[in-house]
Amino acid sequence: MNEPLHFAPTMVSDGRTAKEIFEQVRANPARAKFGFGERLAIVNIDFQQAYTRPDLFPVSAYVTDPDQITHTNRISALARSKGMPVIWTHVAYKPDAGDAGVWGTRTNTPDSLQNIKYDSARHAFDPRVEIDESVDLVFTKRMPSAFFETPLASYLIWHKVDTVVITGGSTSGCVRATAVDSLSHGYRTIVPEECVADKHESYHFANLTDLLIKYADVVPVSEVADWLTKS
């Protein structure tokens, strides 16, 4: 089990930390929830060692909640048991990064996306994730959103999904991009707080706050599990 990263709280101009702002907004929501519909899909984003194993890749990996993968496995198993779709994405590029597009022009550092090559240790799924390859959908994406140039949209339509639950990382990157696209495609969008992570608590909680205000319901993972149990 990875140990959580510890950072000094990042203060904003009025003296509150990003986490405190999130907790205050969550406690006093300005808008109604989207809520659950009739049928959901769990979209698990990039649970690859490059992002989940600080012991192997300290430059690029991050842990916000040490039980993130356990929580994600639990709600994925519940969804699967109800015959609802479970999706896993991973990011990877050709050896020459020729399919990385503009990402490949930005950096060439150890933590850069274009350095995640197929069959590399960085590319591999974390061995703790529980993927059922007989029923789960697994696909490669090359840009932040799980919807961009992938089979996700058509897969959700075919399975009559109306609610998308997003897990993975990073909160400020691929989770946020997927949540915005999910809402834009007309889905009720839900982010279980304990199931997403980022490199620093300021990025994590600032983006959870923005998602909560605009694009998604940010809820305890127990709320997702309870809904699935009762469905």
Foldseek 3Di string as FASTA:
>chain_A
DDDADDDDFDADPVGDGLQRVLVVCLVPPPDDAPDADDAEEEEEEAQACLADPCVVNVVAHHAHFPCQQVLSQLLNVLNVVVVGAYEYEFEAAAPVNPVLPVQVVPDDDPSGRHPHHPPDNRRHHDVSHDDDVVGYHYYYDNAQEPPPPHCVVVVCVVRVHQAYEYAEDDLLTSRLNNQQVCVVSRHAYEYALNRHHDHDVRSSSNSSSVCCRPGHPHHHSVVSVVVSVVD
